[in-house]
């Protein structure tokens, strides 16, 4: 796993053995950030990375200069690794939080311009996760939710969806709140 672009371009990230996370592939991550850079000034974004796993998406946003990033991971091993990497790279705009993502979704204390969520593919409630996030106060008006999910789950019936992209086995669904 590596950082694709920005200040830390090319930096390899090596999670310790025993990691059970499924990091977003470099190919799909590069495609995702091409979309984001064509729609946002990443340096002005506040980002929430839910179900952070290795922290790969967080590091990419930080490397590209996102102004504020909250990264949420429940697994203690994964959370400690993310904290270690944030400290090692001196990512001052990143706030790691060890918590169940659902607690943050149901009781938000801040709102964000963009939310990236990559729950385990067998996560109970994955089908209703977009509706839950979009119905709360987590996203600013006009904010985006990007959900990484398996191809067997479709969100075409949701009115807030505006795009879907597939890169190999990686699927991203894009949702937008009303402005």
Foldseek 3Di string as FASTA:
>chain_A
DAQCDAQRHPDDQDQDPPQPDDDDDPVVLVVVVVVVVVPDQLLDWAEEEEQCRQVRNVVNSLRSHHQAYEYEHADPSNLVNNVVVCVVVVSVRYHYDHDHRVVCLVDPPEATQEYEYEHPQPDPCPQPVVVSNQVDRHYDAFGKYKYKYFPVHDDVPDPQWDDWDDDPRIIITMGTHHD
